[in-house]
Amino acid sequence: MAEIRERKDEELGVRADQLREDLFRQRVRQATNQLQDTSTLPKMRRELARTLTVKRARELGLEGTK
């Protein structure tokens, strides 16, 4: 979580977009039975949620901006 908070606002947006794309690709791979490690899906979802939470907190002024 500290790693996410250290990122700048722009980096949070870029990272969220990357995670969304990666999550989509992983879901496709899972649907086609090509995904070896299914535990990556919940991990990616949690990281995306944490990233979006920090981004939103900064927008609301609840957390310092970088």
Protein backbone atom coordinates (compact mmCIF):
# COMPACT_ATOMS: atom_id res chain seq x y z
CA MET A 1 0.00 0.00 0.00
CA ALA A 2 2.88 2.36 0.73
CA GLU A 3 4.21 1.77 -2.78
CA ILE A 4 0.89 2.88 -4.24
CA ARG A 5 0.76 6.00 -2.07
CA GLU A 6 4.25 7.02 -3.20
CA ARG A 7 3.12 7.31 -6.82
CA LYS A 8 2.09 10.58 -8.39
CA ASP A 9 -1.51 11.22 -9.40
CA GLU A 10 -0.78 10.73 -13.10
CA GLU A 11 1.03 7.47 -12.40
CA LEU A 12 -1.98 6.18 -10.48
CA GLY A 13 -4.22 6.73 -13.49
CA VAL A 14 -1.78 5.04 -15.84
CA ARG A 15 -1.35 2.11 -13.45
CA ALA A 16 -5.12 1.70 -13.10
CA ASP A 17 -5.46 1.54 -16.89
CA GLN A 18 -2.65 -1.03 -17.10
CA LEU A 19 -4.27 -3.17 -14.42
CA ARG A 20 -7.64 -3.05 -16.19
CA GLU A 21 -6.03 -4.22 -19.44
CA ASP A 22 -4.04 -6.95 -17.71
CA LEU A 23 -7.10 -8.11 -15.81
CA PHE A 24 -9.08 -8.34 -19.05
CA ARG A 25 -6.32 -10.37 -20.70
CA GLN A 26 -6.10 -12.70 -17.71
CA ARG A 27 -9.86 -13.25 -17.76
CA VAL A 28 -9.72 -14.14 -21.45
CA ARG A 29 -6.88 -16.55 -20.77
CA GLN A 30 -8.86 -18.10 -17.93
CA ALA A 31 -11.93 -18.51 -20.13
CA THR A 32 -9.85 -20.28 -22.77
CA ASN A 33 -8.12 -22.47 -20.18
CA GLN A 34 -4.70 -20.97 -20.90
CA LEU A 35 -4.18 -19.42 -17.47
CA GLN A 36 -1.79 -21.41 -15.30
CA ASP A 37 -2.01 -19.47 -12.03
CA THR A 38 -5.59 -18.45 -11.25
CA SER A 39 -4.56 -16.72 -8.02
CA THR A 40 -3.36 -13.74 -10.06
CA LEU A 41 -6.92 -12.58 -10.77
CA PRO A 42 -7.89 -11.67 -7.19
CA LYS A 43 -4.46 -10.14 -6.61
CA MET A 44 -4.87 -7.89 -9.64
CA ARG A 45 -8.39 -6.91 -8.62
CA ARG A 46 -7.19 -5.95 -5.15
CA GLU A 47 -4.31 -3.90 -6.52
CA LEU A 48 -6.68 -2.11 -8.89
CA ALA A 49 -9.07 -1.37 -6.02
CA ARG A 50 -6.26 -0.05 -3.84
CA THR A 51 -4.98 2.15 -6.66
CA LEU A 52 -8.42 3.59 -7.34
CA THR A 53 -9.02 4.13 -3.61
CA VAL A 54 -5.84 6.17 -3.21
CA LYS A 55 -6.62 8.14 -6.37
CA ARG A 56 -10.14 8.95 -5.17
CA ALA A 57 -8.95 9.90 -1.68
CA ARG A 58 -6.58 12.41 -3.23
CA GLU A 59 -9.36 13.82 -5.40
CA LEU A 60 -11.47 14.36 -2.29
CA GLY A 61 -8.57 15.90 -0.42
CA LEU A 62 -8.46 13.15 2.19
CA GLU A 63 -4.86 12.33 1.42
CA GLY A 64 -1.88 14.44 0.42
CA THR A 65 -1.19 14.77 -3.28
CA LYS A 66 2.07 14.21 -5.06
